């Protein structure tokens, strides 16, 4: 059961993040400054990073909140923990990459949360995509 759950979860994570990354491109400066190749590489690169972050967050959540019967028991504890870890990492990563390293930048259309100085779209991504992926995985 756990293997089917993981397969469904990561399938949904891959597709959901790929779609989200492509859809939010106009919110970043690369939309105006990058070539079509730059945009494609950014979507693929960011999606791969999202999958890696999702995997890391899930493993940590399973270690902290899961048990031997997961996903039959403690499903929501693991899902909530993984999502919280993903959101926390996103806040750190966005601040580090936008404000410190300047690896990417927000365009004029990106709503930014005051005080956090983090774009709303990446935070919503880490709420909605994992929530949908966990919902899909739970149906296994």
N, C-alpha and C. Protein backbone atom coordinates (compact mmCIF):
# COMPACT_ATOMS: atom_id res chain seq x y z
N UNK A 1 0.82 -1.20 0.00
CA UNK A 1 0.00 0.00 0.00
C UNK A 1 0.86 1.27 0.00
N UNK A 2 1.95 1.26 0.79
CA UNK A 2 2.75 2.46 0.87
C UNK A 2 3.43 2.79 -0.46
N UNK A 3 3.81 1.75 -1.22
CA UNK A 3 4.48 1.99 -2.50
C UNK A 3 3.52 2.63 -3.50
N UNK A 4 2.30 2.14 -3.55
CA UNK A 4 1.30 2.73 -4.44
C UNK A 4 1.02 4.17 -4.03
N UNK A 5 0.96 4.41 -2.74
CA UNK A 5 0.73 5.77 -2.24
C UNK A 5 1.87 6.69 -2.67
N UNK A 6 3.10 6.23 -2.51
CA UNK A 6 4.25 7.05 -2.92
C UNK A 6 4.26 7.31 -4.42
N UNK A 7 3.95 6.29 -5.20
CA UNK A 7 3.93 6.47 -6.66
C UNK A 7 2.89 7.51 -7.06
N UNK A 8 1.72 7.44 -6.48
CA UNK A 8 0.68 8.41 -6.80
C UNK A 8 1.08 9.81 -6.33
N UNK A 9 1.64 9.87 -5.12
CA UNK A 9 2.06 11.16 -4.57
C UNK A 9 3.10 11.82 -5.48
N UNK A 10 4.15 11.09 -5.81
CA UNK A 10 5.21 11.70 -6.62
C UNK A 10 4.79 11.96 -8.06
N UNK A 11 3.89 11.15 -8.59
CA UNK A 11 3.34 11.45 -9.91
C UNK A 11 2.59 12.77 -9.90
N UNK A 12 1.76 12.96 -8.88
CA UNK A 12 1.01 14.21 -8.75
C UNK A 12 1.93 15.39 -8.45
N UNK A 13 2.95 15.16 -7.64
CA UNK A 13 3.93 16.22 -7.33
C UNK A 13 4.63 16.67 -8.61
N UNK A 14 5.05 15.70 -9.42
CA UNK A 14 5.74 16.03 -10.67
C UNK A 14 4.85 16.84 -11.60
N UNK A 15 3.67 16.34 -11.87
CA UNK A 15 2.76 17.02 -12.81
C UNK A 15 2.31 18.37 -12.24
N UNK A 16 1.91 18.39 -10.97
CA UNK A 16 1.43 19.63 -10.37
C UNK A 16 2.48 20.72 -10.36
N UNK A 17 3.71 20.38 -9.99
CA UNK A 17 4.77 21.39 -9.96
C UNK A 17 5.19 21.82 -11.36
N UNK A 18 5.19 20.90 -12.30
CA UNK A 18 5.51 21.27 -13.69
C UNK A 18 4.52 22.30 -14.21
N UNK A 19 3.24 22.05 -13.99
CA UNK A 19 2.20 22.98 -14.44
C UNK A 19 2.32 24.31 -13.69
N UNK A 20 2.51 24.25 -12.37
CA UNK A 20 2.61 25.48 -11.58
C UNK A 20 3.82 26.30 -12.00
N UNK A 21 4.96 25.66 -12.16
CA UNK A 21 6.17 26.39 -12.55
C UNK A 21 5.98 27.09 -13.89
N UNK A 22 5.38 26.41 -14.85
CA UNK A 22 5.15 27.03 -16.16
C UNK A 22 4.16 28.18 -16.04
N UNK A 23 3.12 27.99 -15.24
CA UNK A 23 2.08 29.02 -15.12
C UNK A 23 2.58 30.28 -14.41
N UNK A 24 3.51 30.14 -13.48
CA UNK A 24 3.96 31.31 -12.72
C UNK A 24 5.15 32.03 -13.36
N UNK A 25 5.65 31.55 -14.48
CA UNK A 25 6.78 32.23 -15.14
C UNK A 25 6.57 33.73 -15.35
N UNK A 26 5.37 34.18 -15.74
CA UNK A 26 5.20 35.63 -15.94
C UNK A 26 5.38 36.47 -14.68
N UNK A 27 5.44 35.82 -13.52
CA UNK A 27 5.62 36.54 -12.26
C UNK A 27 7.09 36.79 -11.93
N UNK A 28 7.99 36.26 -12.74
CA UNK A 28 9.43 36.39 -12.51
C UNK A 28 10.07 37.22 -13.60
N UNK A 29 11.22 37.80 -13.30
CA UNK A 29 11.91 38.65 -14.27
C UNK A 29 12.36 37.88 -15.51
N UNK A 30 12.61 36.58 -15.36
CA UNK A 30 13.07 35.78 -16.50
C UNK A 30 12.04 35.79 -17.64
N UNK A 31 10.80 36.05 -17.31
CA UNK A 31 9.74 36.08 -18.33
C UNK A 31 10.04 37.14 -19.39
N UNK A 32 10.60 38.29 -18.95
CA UNK A 32 10.91 39.38 -19.87
C UNK A 32 12.34 39.32 -20.39
N UNK A 33 13.24 38.72 -19.61
CA UNK A 33 14.65 38.77 -19.98
C UNK A 33 15.16 37.48 -20.61
N UNK A 34 14.48 36.38 -20.41
CA UNK A 34 14.97 35.09 -20.86
C UNK A 34 14.51 34.71 -22.25
N UNK A 35 15.28 33.83 -22.87
CA UNK A 35 14.89 33.25 -24.16
C UNK A 35 13.92 32.11 -23.90
N UNK A 36 13.36 31.56 -24.95
CA UNK A 36 12.47 30.40 -24.82
C UNK A 36 13.24 29.24 -24.18
N UNK A 37 14.48 29.08 -24.56
CA UNK A 37 15.32 28.03 -23.96
C UNK A 37 15.52 28.28 -22.47
N UNK A 38 15.79 29.54 -22.09
CA UNK A 38 15.95 29.88 -20.68
C UNK A 38 14.70 29.54 -19.88
N UNK A 39 13.55 29.84 -20.46
CA UNK A 39 12.28 29.57 -19.78
C UNK A 39 12.07 28.06 -19.61
N UNK A 40 12.37 27.31 -20.65
CA UNK A 40 12.21 25.85 -20.58
C UNK A 40 13.15 25.25 -19.55
N UNK A 41 14.40 25.70 -19.55
CA UNK A 41 15.38 25.20 -18.58
C UNK A 41 14.94 25.56 -17.16
N UNK A 42 14.43 26.76 -16.97
CA UNK A 42 13.98 27.19 -15.64
C UNK A 42 12.84 26.31 -15.15
N UNK A 43 11.88 26.02 -16.02
CA UNK A 43 10.74 25.19 -15.61
C UNK A 43 11.21 23.78 -15.26
N UNK A 44 12.07 23.21 -16.07
CA UNK A 44 12.57 21.85 -15.81
C UNK A 44 13.42 21.83 -14.53
N UNK A 45 14.32 22.80 -14.41
CA UNK A 45 15.19 22.88 -13.24
C UNK A 45 14.37 23.06 -11.95
N UNK A 46 13.43 23.98 -11.98
CA UNK A 46 12.64 24.26 -10.79
C UNK A 46 11.72 23.09 -10.44
N UNK A 47 11.17 22.43 -11.44
CA UNK A 47 10.33 21.26 -11.19
C UNK A 47 11.14 20.14 -10.56
N UNK A 48 12.35 19.91 -11.07
CA UNK A 48 13.21 18.89 -10.48
C UNK A 48 13.53 19.23 -9.03
N UNK A 49 13.80 20.51 -8.76
CA UNK A 49 14.04 20.94 -7.38
C UNK A 49 12.82 20.74 -6.50
N UNK A 50 11.64 21.02 -7.04
CA UNK A 50 10.40 20.82 -6.28
C UNK A 50 10.20 19.36 -5.92
N UNK A 51 10.51 18.47 -6.85
CA UNK A 51 10.38 17.03 -6.58
C UNK A 51 11.38 16.61 -5.49
N UNK A 52 12.60 17.13 -5.58
CA UNK A 52 13.61 16.80 -4.56
C UNK A 52 13.22 17.35 -3.19
N UNK A 53 12.70 18.57 -3.15
CA UNK A 53 12.25 19.14 -1.88
C UNK A 53 11.08 18.33 -1.33
N UNK A 54 10.17 17.94 -2.19
CA UNK A 54 9.01 17.13 -1.77
C UNK A 54 9.46 15.80 -1.20
N UNK A 55 10.43 15.18 -1.84
CA UNK A 55 10.94 13.89 -1.35
C UNK A 55 11.61 14.06 0.01
N UNK A 56 12.43 15.07 0.14
CA UNK A 56 13.11 15.32 1.41
C UNK A 56 12.11 15.62 2.51
N UNK A 57 11.15 16.48 2.21
CA UNK A 57 10.14 16.85 3.21
C UNK A 57 9.33 15.63 3.64
N UNK A 58 8.99 14.78 2.67
CA UNK A 58 8.20 13.58 3.01
C UNK A 58 9.00 12.61 3.87
N UNK A 59 10.26 12.40 3.55
CA UNK A 59 11.09 11.49 4.35
C UNK A 59 11.24 12.02 5.77
N UNK A 60 11.51 13.30 5.91
CA UNK A 60 11.62 13.89 7.25
C UNK A 60 10.30 13.75 8.00
N UNK A 61 9.19 14.04 7.32
CA UNK A 61 7.87 13.93 7.95
C UNK A 61 7.56 12.50 8.36
N UNK A 62 7.93 11.55 7.51
CA UNK A 62 7.71 10.14 7.87
C UNK A 62 8.52 9.75 9.09
N UNK A 63 9.75 10.23 9.18
CA UNK A 63 10.58 9.93 10.35
C UNK A 63 10.04 10.59 11.61
N UNK A 64 9.52 11.79 11.49
CA UNK A 64 9.04 12.52 12.66
C UNK A 64 7.62 12.15 13.07
N UNK A 65 6.74 11.94 12.10
CA UNK A 65 5.31 11.81 12.41
C UNK A 65 4.69 10.50 11.96
N UNK A 66 5.42 9.71 11.19
CA UNK A 66 4.84 8.48 10.66
C UNK A 66 5.02 7.29 11.58
N UNK A 67 4.47 6.18 11.16
CA UNK A 67 4.69 4.92 11.87
C UNK A 67 4.71 3.79 10.86
N UNK A 68 4.86 2.57 11.33
CA UNK A 68 5.00 1.41 10.45
C UNK A 68 3.74 1.16 9.60
N UNK A 69 2.62 1.70 10.02
CA UNK A 69 1.36 1.46 9.32
C UNK A 69 1.03 2.56 8.31
N UNK A 70 1.93 3.53 8.14
CA UNK A 70 1.66 4.60 7.19
C UNK A 70 1.53 3.99 5.80
N UNK A 71 0.60 4.38 5.02
CA UNK A 71 -0.32 5.50 5.09
C UNK A 71 -1.67 5.18 5.75
N UNK A 72 -1.86 3.97 6.23
CA UNK A 72 -3.14 3.63 6.87
C UNK A 72 -3.34 4.37 8.17
N UNK A 73 -2.27 4.68 8.85
CA UNK A 73 -2.38 5.48 10.06
C UNK A 73 -1.42 6.65 9.95
N UNK A 74 -1.74 7.70 10.65
CA UNK A 74 -0.93 8.92 10.73
C UNK A 74 -0.75 9.60 9.37
N UNK A 75 -1.67 9.35 8.45
CA UNK A 75 -1.56 9.94 7.11
C UNK A 75 -1.56 11.47 7.19
N UNK A 76 -2.52 12.03 7.92
CA UNK A 76 -2.65 13.48 7.97
C UNK A 76 -1.52 14.13 8.76
N UNK A 77 -0.99 13.44 9.77
CA UNK A 77 0.15 13.97 10.51
C UNK A 77 1.37 14.07 9.60
N UNK A 78 1.58 13.05 8.80
CA UNK A 78 2.71 13.06 7.86
C UNK A 78 2.49 14.11 6.78
N UNK A 79 1.30 14.15 6.21
CA UNK A 79 1.01 15.13 5.15
C UNK A 79 1.18 16.55 5.66
N UNK A 80 0.63 16.85 6.82
CA UNK A 80 0.75 18.19 7.39
C UNK A 80 2.19 18.55 7.70
N UNK A 81 2.93 17.60 8.23
CA UNK A 81 4.35 17.84 8.53
C UNK A 81 5.15 18.09 7.26
N UNK A 82 4.92 17.27 6.24
CA UNK A 82 5.64 17.44 4.97
C UNK A 82 5.32 18.79 4.35
N UNK A 83 4.07 19.20 4.40
CA UNK A 83 3.70 20.49 3.84
C UNK A 83 4.33 21.64 4.63
N UNK A 84 4.35 21.52 5.96
CA UNK A 84 4.98 22.56 6.78
C UNK A 84 6.47 22.67 6.50
N UNK A 85 7.12 21.54 6.34
CA UNK A 85 8.55 21.53 6.00
C UNK A 85 8.76 22.18 4.63
N UNK A 86 7.93 21.83 3.66
CA UNK A 86 8.04 22.43 2.32
C UNK A 86 7.84 23.93 2.34
N UNK A 87 6.88 24.39 3.11
CA UNK A 87 6.62 25.83 3.21
C UNK A 87 7.79 26.53 3.89
N UNK A 88 8.28 25.96 4.98
CA UNK A 88 9.42 26.55 5.69
C UNK A 88 10.64 26.65 4.77
N UNK A 89 10.91 25.58 4.03
CA UNK A 89 12.05 25.60 3.11
C UNK A 89 11.83 26.63 2.01
N UNK A 90 10.61 26.74 1.52
CA UNK A 90 10.31 27.70 0.46
C UNK A 90 10.57 29.13 0.93
N UNK A 91 10.16 29.44 2.14
CA UNK A 91 10.42 30.78 2.68
C UNK A 91 11.92 31.04 2.73
N UNK A 92 12.66 30.07 3.26
CA UNK A 92 14.12 30.21 3.32
C UNK A 92 14.72 30.36 1.92
N UNK A 93 14.34 29.46 1.02
CA UNK A 93 14.92 29.44 -0.32
C UNK A 93 14.58 30.70 -1.12
N UNK A 94 13.35 31.13 -1.06
CA UNK A 94 12.97 32.34 -1.80
C UNK A 94 13.72 33.56 -1.28
N UNK A 95 13.80 33.70 0.02
CA UNK A 95 14.52 34.84 0.60
C UNK A 95 16.00 34.77 0.21
N UNK A 96 16.59 33.60 0.34
CA UNK A 96 18.02 33.44 0.04
C UNK A 96 18.28 33.73 -1.45
N UNK A 97 17.48 33.14 -2.33
CA UNK A 97 17.74 33.27 -3.77
C UNK A 97 17.33 34.61 -4.36
N UNK A 98 16.31 35.25 -3.80
CA UNK A 98 15.87 36.54 -4.33
C UNK A 98 16.64 37.70 -3.68
N UNK A 99 16.78 37.65 -2.37
CA UNK A 99 17.35 38.80 -1.65
C UNK A 99 18.86 38.74 -1.47
N UNK A 100 19.41 37.53 -1.28
CA UNK A 100 20.84 37.42 -0.97
C UNK A 100 21.64 37.07 -2.22
N UNK A 101 21.36 35.90 -2.80
CA UNK A 101 22.13 35.42 -3.95
C UNK A 101 21.72 36.07 -5.27
N UNK A 102 20.49 36.55 -5.31
CA UNK A 102 19.92 37.14 -6.54
C UNK A 102 19.96 36.16 -7.71
N UNK A 103 19.67 34.88 -7.40
CA UNK A 103 19.63 33.83 -8.43
C UNK A 103 18.45 34.02 -9.36
N UNK A 104 17.37 34.59 -8.84
CA UNK A 104 16.21 34.93 -9.64
C UNK A 104 15.55 36.15 -9.02
N UNK A 105 14.64 36.74 -9.74
CA UNK A 105 13.98 37.93 -9.23
C UNK A 105 12.49 37.90 -9.53
N UNK A 106 11.75 38.61 -8.72
CA UNK A 106 10.31 38.73 -8.92
C UNK A 106 10.03 39.86 -9.90
N UNK A 107 9.11 39.61 -10.81
CA UNK A 107 8.65 40.64 -11.71
C UNK A 107 7.62 41.53 -11.03
N UNK A 108 7.15 42.51 -11.77
CA UNK A 108 6.18 43.47 -11.22
C UNK A 108 4.85 42.81 -10.87
N UNK A 109 4.52 41.70 -11.49
CA UNK A 109 3.22 41.06 -11.25
C UNK A 109 3.20 40.14 -10.02
N UNK A 110 4.38 39.84 -9.46
CA UNK A 110 4.43 38.93 -8.31
C UNK A 110 3.97 39.65 -7.04
N UNK A 111 2.88 39.17 -6.43
CA UNK A 111 2.53 39.72 -5.12
C UNK A 111 3.53 39.22 -4.07
N UNK A 112 4.03 40.13 -3.26
CA UNK A 112 5.04 39.80 -2.26
C UNK A 112 4.44 40.04 -0.88
N UNK A 113 4.63 39.06 0.01
CA UNK A 113 4.10 39.19 1.36
C UNK A 113 4.97 40.14 2.17
N UNK A 114 4.37 41.21 2.68
CA UNK A 114 5.14 42.17 3.48
C UNK A 114 5.70 41.50 4.74
N UNK A 115 6.88 41.89 5.10
CA UNK A 115 7.53 41.32 6.28
C UNK A 115 8.34 40.09 5.96
N UNK A 116 7.78 39.20 5.15
CA UNK A 116 8.53 38.01 4.73
C UNK A 116 9.35 38.28 3.48
N UNK A 117 8.89 39.22 2.66
CA UNK A 117 9.51 39.52 1.37
C UNK A 117 9.61 38.28 0.50
N UNK A 118 8.57 37.46 0.53
CA UNK A 118 8.49 36.23 -0.25
C UNK A 118 7.28 36.32 -1.17
N UNK A 119 7.45 35.84 -2.38
CA UNK A 119 6.37 35.86 -3.34
C UNK A 119 5.20 34.98 -2.89
N UNK A 120 4.00 35.43 -3.17
CA UNK A 120 2.81 34.68 -2.80
C UNK A 120 2.67 33.39 -3.62
N UNK A 121 3.01 33.46 -4.89
CA UNK A 121 2.85 32.29 -5.75
C UNK A 121 3.63 31.07 -5.28
N UNK A 122 4.93 31.19 -4.92
CA UNK A 122 5.64 30.01 -4.45
C UNK A 122 5.07 29.46 -3.14
N UNK A 123 4.58 30.34 -2.28
CA UNK A 123 3.97 29.85 -1.03
C UNK A 123 2.67 29.10 -1.32
N UNK A 124 1.86 29.65 -2.20
CA UNK A 124 0.61 28.96 -2.57
C UNK A 124 0.91 27.63 -3.26
N UNK A 125 1.98 27.61 -4.03
CA UNK A 125 2.39 26.36 -4.69
C UNK A 125 2.62 25.27 -3.66
N UNK A 126 3.29 25.63 -2.54
CA UNK A 126 3.61 24.63 -1.52
C UNK A 126 2.45 24.34 -0.58
N UNK A 127 1.35 25.05 -0.76
CA UNK A 127 0.11 24.68 -0.08
C UNK A 127 -0.73 23.77 -0.98
N UNK A 128 -0.96 24.23 -2.20
CA UNK A 128 -1.92 23.56 -3.08
C UNK A 128 -1.38 22.29 -3.75
N UNK A 129 -0.17 22.33 -4.27
CA UNK A 129 0.34 21.15 -5.00
C UNK A 129 0.51 19.95 -4.06
N UNK A 130 1.18 20.10 -2.91
CA UNK A 130 1.27 18.93 -2.02
C UNK A 130 -0.10 18.49 -1.47
N UNK A 131 -0.98 19.44 -1.18
CA UNK A 131 -2.31 19.07 -0.68
C UNK A 131 -3.04 18.23 -1.72
N UNK A 132 -2.99 18.65 -2.97
CA UNK A 132 -3.63 17.88 -4.03
C UNK A 132 -2.95 16.53 -4.22
N UNK A 133 -1.63 16.52 -4.14
CA UNK A 133 -0.88 15.26 -4.30
C UNK A 133 -1.20 14.28 -3.18
N UNK A 134 -1.27 14.77 -1.94
CA UNK A 134 -1.63 13.89 -0.83
C UNK A 134 -3.06 13.40 -0.96
N UNK A 135 -3.96 14.26 -1.40
CA UNK A 135 -5.35 13.83 -1.61
C UNK A 135 -5.42 12.72 -2.66
N UNK A 136 -4.70 12.91 -3.76
CA UNK A 136 -4.65 11.90 -4.82
C UNK A 136 -4.01 10.61 -4.32
N UNK A 137 -2.93 10.72 -3.59
CA UNK A 137 -2.23 9.54 -3.08
C UNK A 137 -3.09 8.75 -2.10
N UNK A 138 -3.87 9.46 -1.32
CA UNK A 138 -4.70 8.79 -0.31
C UNK A 138 -5.78 7.93 -0.93
N UNK A 139 -6.14 8.23 -2.15
CA UNK A 139 -7.17 7.44 -2.85
C UNK A 139 -6.66 6.07 -3.27
N UNK A 140 -5.36 5.84 -3.12
CA UNK A 140 -4.76 4.57 -3.56
C UNK A 140 -5.30 3.39 -2.75
